[in-house]
């Protein structure tokens, strides 16, 4: 299984910023598109953003468009999610996966908790 490890979450006040990292373990990430997903308590997991294998194409959920930026550094085998202007409704566990469609993800890591609260 392709294993990714998420990090960078935490507690932040509304309007604050965080940068999440998604690091590949045991394989080279540069052949894969990578998606960020999130799951809030009591809600289904939803797609947040995705980036193509070479970084040339990105997309975002409407709810985060203009606030989040996805990027990747294939030399570091890592994908990032810069989150600005955070809102309480962004609170969730954030996951990354080597696919843009969560329905095709076989394995989910532990994720990283993001909590936006004053």
N, C-alpha and C. Protein backbone atom coordinates (compact mmCIF):
# COMPACT_ATOMS: atom_id res chain seq x y z
N UNK A 1 0.83 -1.19 0.00
CA UNK A 1 0.00 0.00 0.00
C UNK A 1 0.87 1.25 0.00
N UNK A 2 0.36 2.28 -0.62
CA UNK A 2 1.09 3.53 -0.68
C UNK A 2 0.77 4.31 0.58
N UNK A 3 1.80 4.59 1.34
CA UNK A 3 1.60 5.20 2.64
C UNK A 3 2.06 6.64 2.64
N UNK A 4 1.15 7.53 3.06
CA UNK A 4 1.47 8.94 3.20
C UNK A 4 1.27 9.33 4.65
N UNK A 5 2.08 10.26 5.12
CA UNK A 5 2.01 10.71 6.50
C UNK A 5 1.73 12.20 6.52
N UNK A 6 0.65 12.56 7.20
CA UNK A 6 0.25 13.96 7.30
C UNK A 6 0.80 14.58 8.58
N UNK A 7 1.11 15.87 8.51
CA UNK A 7 1.58 16.59 9.69
C UNK A 7 1.28 18.07 9.51
N UNK A 8 1.43 18.81 10.60
CA UNK A 8 1.30 20.26 10.54
C UNK A 8 0.02 20.83 11.10
N UNK A 9 -0.88 19.96 11.53
CA UNK A 9 -2.12 20.45 12.10
C UNK A 9 -1.91 21.09 13.47
N UNK A 10 -2.99 21.65 13.99
CA UNK A 10 -2.91 22.27 15.31
C UNK A 10 -4.13 23.10 15.59
N UNK A 11 -4.02 23.87 16.67
CA UNK A 11 -5.08 24.78 17.08
C UNK A 11 -4.72 26.18 16.62
N UNK A 12 -5.63 26.83 15.95
CA UNK A 12 -5.37 28.17 15.43
C UNK A 12 -6.63 29.01 15.59
N UNK A 13 -6.46 30.29 15.77
CA UNK A 13 -7.60 31.19 15.88
C UNK A 13 -8.20 31.49 14.51
N UNK A 14 -9.46 31.84 14.47
CA UNK A 14 -10.07 32.24 13.19
C UNK A 14 -9.26 33.33 12.52
N UNK A 15 -9.09 33.17 11.22
CA UNK A 15 -8.27 34.10 10.46
C UNK A 15 -6.81 33.70 10.38
N UNK A 16 -6.42 32.71 11.15
CA UNK A 16 -5.03 32.28 11.17
C UNK A 16 -4.66 31.38 10.01
N UNK A 17 -3.42 30.91 10.05
CA UNK A 17 -2.88 30.09 8.97
C UNK A 17 -2.18 28.84 9.52
N UNK A 18 -2.17 27.83 8.70
CA UNK A 18 -1.41 26.61 8.97
C UNK A 18 -0.91 26.07 7.63
N UNK A 19 0.20 25.35 7.69
CA UNK A 19 0.67 24.64 6.50
C UNK A 19 0.77 23.16 6.84
N UNK A 20 0.03 22.38 6.12
CA UNK A 20 0.06 20.94 6.29
C UNK A 20 1.07 20.33 5.31
N UNK A 21 1.67 19.25 5.75
CA UNK A 21 2.60 18.51 4.90
C UNK A 21 2.13 17.08 4.74
N UNK A 22 2.42 16.53 3.59
CA UNK A 22 2.06 15.15 3.27
C UNK A 22 3.31 14.50 2.68
N UNK A 23 3.91 13.60 3.44
CA UNK A 23 5.17 12.99 3.03
C UNK A 23 4.95 11.53 2.65
N UNK A 24 5.58 11.12 1.58
CA UNK A 24 5.48 9.74 1.13
C UNK A 24 6.52 8.88 1.84
N UNK A 25 6.14 7.67 2.12
CA UNK A 25 7.04 6.73 2.78
C UNK A 25 7.17 5.48 1.94
N UNK A 26 8.40 5.19 1.49
CA UNK A 26 8.65 3.94 0.79
C UNK A 26 8.34 3.94 -0.69
N UNK A 27 7.96 5.09 -1.22
CA UNK A 27 7.73 5.15 -2.66
C UNK A 27 7.93 6.60 -3.12
N UNK A 28 8.07 6.76 -4.42
CA UNK A 28 8.28 8.09 -4.97
C UNK A 28 6.95 8.70 -5.35
N UNK A 29 6.71 9.88 -4.83
CA UNK A 29 5.41 10.50 -4.99
C UNK A 29 5.22 11.18 -6.34
N UNK A 30 6.30 11.39 -7.08
CA UNK A 30 6.20 12.24 -8.26
C UNK A 30 5.41 11.62 -9.41
N UNK A 31 5.03 10.37 -9.29
CA UNK A 31 4.21 9.74 -10.33
C UNK A 31 2.72 9.86 -10.06
N UNK A 32 2.38 10.47 -8.93
CA UNK A 32 0.99 10.45 -8.49
C UNK A 32 0.42 11.85 -8.33
N UNK A 33 -0.83 12.00 -8.73
CA UNK A 33 -1.59 13.15 -8.26
C UNK A 33 -1.85 12.93 -6.77
N UNK A 34 -1.98 14.01 -6.04
CA UNK A 34 -2.20 13.90 -4.60
C UNK A 34 -3.38 14.77 -4.20
N UNK A 35 -4.25 14.20 -3.43
CA UNK A 35 -5.41 14.94 -2.95
C UNK A 35 -5.36 15.15 -1.45
N UNK A 36 -5.89 16.28 -1.03
CA UNK A 36 -6.13 16.54 0.38
C UNK A 36 -7.63 16.40 0.62
N UNK A 37 -7.97 15.77 1.72
CA UNK A 37 -9.35 15.53 2.10
C UNK A 37 -9.52 15.92 3.57
N UNK A 38 -10.74 16.10 4.00
CA UNK A 38 -10.96 16.38 5.42
C UNK A 38 -12.27 15.75 5.88
N UNK A 39 -12.31 15.47 7.15
CA UNK A 39 -13.50 14.89 7.74
C UNK A 39 -13.77 15.55 9.08
N UNK A 40 -14.88 16.24 9.16
CA UNK A 40 -15.30 16.87 10.40
C UNK A 40 -16.15 15.88 11.20
N UNK A 41 -16.25 16.06 12.49
CA UNK A 41 -17.04 15.14 13.32
C UNK A 41 -18.47 15.02 12.82
N UNK A 42 -18.91 13.78 12.65
CA UNK A 42 -20.27 13.52 12.22
C UNK A 42 -20.54 13.76 10.75
N UNK A 43 -19.50 14.07 10.00
CA UNK A 43 -19.68 14.35 8.56
C UNK A 43 -18.85 13.38 7.73
N UNK A 44 -19.21 13.27 6.47
CA UNK A 44 -18.46 12.43 5.56
C UNK A 44 -17.16 13.12 5.16
N UNK A 45 -16.21 12.31 4.78
CA UNK A 45 -14.95 12.84 4.28
C UNK A 45 -15.21 13.56 2.95
N UNK A 46 -14.58 14.70 2.77
CA UNK A 46 -14.77 15.47 1.55
C UNK A 46 -13.44 15.87 0.96
N UNK A 47 -13.43 16.01 -0.35
CA UNK A 47 -12.23 16.45 -1.03
C UNK A 47 -12.03 17.95 -0.84
N UNK A 48 -10.80 18.34 -0.61
CA UNK A 48 -10.45 19.74 -0.38
C UNK A 48 -9.68 20.31 -1.57
N UNK A 49 -8.68 19.58 -2.00
CA UNK A 49 -7.83 20.08 -3.06
C UNK A 49 -7.06 18.93 -3.68
N UNK A 50 -6.59 19.14 -4.89
CA UNK A 50 -5.80 18.11 -5.55
C UNK A 50 -4.77 18.75 -6.46
N UNK A 51 -3.64 18.07 -6.61
CA UNK A 51 -2.58 18.58 -7.48
C UNK A 51 -2.10 17.44 -8.37
N UNK A 52 -1.83 17.77 -9.62
CA UNK A 52 -1.35 16.76 -10.56
C UNK A 52 0.07 16.33 -10.21
N UNK A 53 0.53 15.29 -10.87
CA UNK A 53 1.83 14.71 -10.52
C UNK A 53 2.98 15.70 -10.73
N UNK A 54 2.86 16.54 -11.75
CA UNK A 54 3.94 17.50 -11.99
C UNK A 54 3.65 18.88 -11.41
N UNK A 55 2.54 19.00 -10.72
CA UNK A 55 2.19 20.28 -10.10
C UNK A 55 1.57 21.29 -11.04
N UNK A 56 1.37 20.91 -12.29
CA UNK A 56 0.88 21.88 -13.26
C UNK A 56 -0.61 22.14 -13.20
N UNK A 57 -1.34 21.31 -12.50
CA UNK A 57 -2.78 21.46 -12.42
C UNK A 57 -3.23 21.29 -10.98
N UNK A 58 -4.08 22.20 -10.53
CA UNK A 58 -4.61 22.12 -9.18
C UNK A 58 -6.11 22.40 -9.21
N UNK A 59 -6.79 21.90 -8.23
CA UNK A 59 -8.20 22.27 -8.07
C UNK A 59 -8.55 22.31 -6.60
N UNK A 60 -9.64 23.02 -6.32
CA UNK A 60 -10.04 23.28 -4.94
C UNK A 60 -11.56 23.16 -4.79
N UNK A 61 -11.97 22.75 -3.61
CA UNK A 61 -13.38 22.81 -3.28
C UNK A 61 -13.80 24.27 -3.19
N UNK A 62 -15.05 24.53 -3.51
CA UNK A 62 -15.54 25.91 -3.46
C UNK A 62 -15.35 26.53 -2.09
N UNK A 63 -15.47 25.71 -1.06
CA UNK A 63 -15.42 26.21 0.31
C UNK A 63 -14.04 26.72 0.71
N UNK A 64 -13.00 26.33 -0.03
CA UNK A 64 -11.63 26.74 0.34
C UNK A 64 -10.96 27.55 -0.76
N UNK A 65 -11.62 27.67 -1.89
CA UNK A 65 -11.04 28.41 -3.02
C UNK A 65 -10.66 29.82 -2.58
N UNK A 66 -9.44 30.21 -2.91
CA UNK A 66 -8.96 31.54 -2.56
C UNK A 66 -8.31 31.63 -1.19
N UNK A 67 -8.48 30.61 -0.38
CA UNK A 67 -7.88 30.59 0.95
C UNK A 67 -6.79 29.54 1.09
N UNK A 68 -6.95 28.45 0.39
CA UNK A 68 -5.99 27.35 0.47
C UNK A 68 -5.15 27.31 -0.81
N UNK A 69 -3.91 26.86 -0.64
CA UNK A 69 -3.03 26.66 -1.79
C UNK A 69 -2.32 25.33 -1.65
N UNK A 70 -2.46 24.49 -2.65
CA UNK A 70 -1.77 23.21 -2.67
C UNK A 70 -0.51 23.34 -3.52
N UNK A 71 0.55 22.68 -3.08
CA UNK A 71 1.80 22.71 -3.84
C UNK A 71 2.55 21.41 -3.56
N UNK A 72 3.59 21.20 -4.32
CA UNK A 72 4.39 20.00 -4.08
C UNK A 72 5.85 20.27 -4.38
N UNK A 73 6.68 19.53 -3.69
CA UNK A 73 8.11 19.55 -3.91
C UNK A 73 8.51 18.10 -4.13
N UNK A 74 8.60 17.71 -5.37
CA UNK A 74 8.89 16.30 -5.67
C UNK A 74 10.30 15.91 -5.23
N UNK A 75 11.19 16.86 -5.16
CA UNK A 75 12.54 16.55 -4.68
C UNK A 75 12.51 16.14 -3.21
N UNK A 76 11.53 16.66 -2.48
CA UNK A 76 11.38 16.31 -1.08
C UNK A 76 10.30 15.26 -0.86
N UNK A 77 9.71 14.81 -1.99
CA UNK A 77 8.69 13.77 -1.89
C UNK A 77 7.53 14.19 -0.98
N UNK A 78 7.16 15.46 -1.08
CA UNK A 78 6.19 16.03 -0.15
C UNK A 78 5.21 16.94 -0.88
N UNK A 79 3.97 16.90 -0.42
CA UNK A 79 2.93 17.81 -0.90
C UNK A 79 2.47 18.66 0.28
N UNK A 80 2.18 19.91 0.01
CA UNK A 80 1.80 20.85 1.06
C UNK A 80 0.39 21.39 0.83
N UNK A 81 -0.21 21.83 1.92
CA UNK A 81 -1.47 22.55 1.84
C UNK A 81 -1.36 23.77 2.74
N UNK A 82 -1.22 24.92 2.12
CA UNK A 82 -1.18 26.18 2.85
C UNK A 82 -2.60 26.65 3.06
N UNK A 83 -2.96 26.86 4.29
CA UNK A 83 -4.33 27.25 4.64
C UNK A 83 -4.31 28.61 5.31
N UNK A 84 -4.91 29.58 4.68
CA UNK A 84 -5.01 30.93 5.21
C UNK A 84 -6.46 31.29 5.47
N UNK A 85 -6.66 32.32 6.26
CA UNK A 85 -8.02 32.75 6.52
C UNK A 85 -8.89 31.65 7.09
N UNK A 86 -8.34 30.89 8.02
CA UNK A 86 -9.07 29.74 8.54
C UNK A 86 -10.34 30.14 9.28
N UNK A 87 -11.33 29.30 9.13
CA UNK A 87 -12.63 29.52 9.74
C UNK A 87 -12.97 28.35 10.66
N UNK A 88 -13.84 28.55 11.62
CA UNK A 88 -14.23 27.42 12.49
C UNK A 88 -14.75 26.22 11.71
N UNK A 89 -15.40 26.46 10.60
CA UNK A 89 -15.93 25.34 9.81
C UNK A 89 -14.85 24.57 9.06
N UNK A 90 -13.61 25.05 9.13
CA UNK A 90 -12.50 24.28 8.56
C UNK A 90 -11.98 23.23 9.53
N UNK A 91 -12.49 23.25 10.74
CA UNK A 91 -12.08 22.26 11.74
C UNK A 91 -12.40 20.86 11.26
N UNK A 92 -11.38 20.00 11.25
CA UNK A 92 -11.54 18.64 10.74
C UNK A 92 -10.22 17.91 10.88
N UNK A 93 -10.26 16.62 10.67
CA UNK A 93 -9.04 15.85 10.47
C UNK A 93 -8.75 15.88 8.97
N UNK A 94 -7.52 16.26 8.64
CA UNK A 94 -7.12 16.40 7.25
C UNK A 94 -6.26 15.20 6.86
N UNK A 95 -6.56 14.66 5.69
CA UNK A 95 -5.86 13.49 5.16
C UNK A 95 -5.33 13.80 3.77
N UNK A 96 -4.26 13.13 3.41
CA UNK A 96 -3.82 13.19 2.03
C UNK A 96 -3.79 11.77 1.47
N UNK A 97 -3.85 11.68 0.17
CA UNK A 97 -3.89 10.38 -0.49
C UNK A 97 -3.34 10.52 -1.90
N UNK A 98 -2.80 9.42 -2.45
CA UNK A 98 -2.23 9.47 -3.80
C UNK A 98 -3.30 9.32 -4.88
N UNK A 99 -4.37 10.07 -4.76
CA UNK A 99 -5.45 10.07 -5.72
C UNK A 99 -6.32 11.29 -5.46
N UNK A 100 -6.94 11.80 -6.52
CA UNK A 100 -7.81 12.96 -6.34
C UNK A 100 -9.24 12.56 -5.98
N UNK A 101 -9.57 11.32 -6.15
CA UNK A 101 -10.92 10.84 -5.86
C UNK A 101 -10.85 9.90 -4.67
N UNK A 102 -11.48 10.30 -3.60
CA UNK A 102 -11.42 9.50 -2.39
C UNK A 102 -12.01 8.11 -2.53
N UNK A 103 -12.90 7.93 -3.50
CA UNK A 103 -13.51 6.61 -3.70
C UNK A 103 -12.50 5.57 -4.16
N UNK A 104 -11.37 6.04 -4.66
CA UNK A 104 -10.34 5.12 -5.16
C UNK A 104 -9.18 4.96 -4.18
N UNK A 105 -9.35 5.49 -2.98
CA UNK A 105 -8.30 5.40 -1.97
C UNK A 105 -8.54 4.16 -1.12
N UNK A 106 -7.54 3.27 -1.10
CA UNK A 106 -7.67 2.02 -0.36
C UNK A 106 -7.25 2.16 1.10
N UNK A 107 -6.35 3.08 1.34
CA UNK A 107 -5.77 3.18 2.68
C UNK A 107 -5.70 4.65 3.08
N UNK A 108 -6.22 4.91 4.25
CA UNK A 108 -6.14 6.26 4.82
C UNK A 108 -5.20 6.26 6.01
N UNK A 109 -4.34 7.26 6.07
CA UNK A 109 -3.46 7.40 7.21
C UNK A 109 -4.19 7.94 8.42
N UNK A 110 -3.44 8.37 9.41
CA UNK A 110 -4.05 8.86 10.64
C UNK A 110 -4.56 10.28 10.50
N UNK A 111 -4.06 10.99 9.53
CA UNK A 111 -4.48 12.37 9.34
C UNK A 111 -3.85 13.30 10.36
N UNK A 112 -4.16 14.58 10.21
CA UNK A 112 -3.69 15.59 11.16
C UNK A 112 -4.86 16.48 11.52
N UNK A 113 -5.02 16.73 12.81
CA UNK A 113 -6.17 17.48 13.30
C UNK A 113 -5.94 18.98 13.14
N UNK A 114 -6.91 19.64 12.55
CA UNK A 114 -6.91 21.09 12.47
C UNK A 114 -8.13 21.60 13.24
N UNK A 115 -7.87 22.45 14.20
CA UNK A 115 -8.95 23.02 15.00
C UNK A 115 -8.86 24.54 14.93
N UNK A 116 -9.95 25.14 14.49
CA UNK A 116 -10.01 26.60 14.38
C UNK A 116 -11.00 27.10 15.41
N UNK A 117 -10.47 27.77 16.41
CA UNK A 117 -11.31 28.21 17.50
C UNK A 117 -10.66 29.37 18.23
N UNK A 118 -11.49 30.26 18.74
CA UNK A 118 -10.98 31.36 19.54
C UNK A 118 -10.99 30.98 21.01
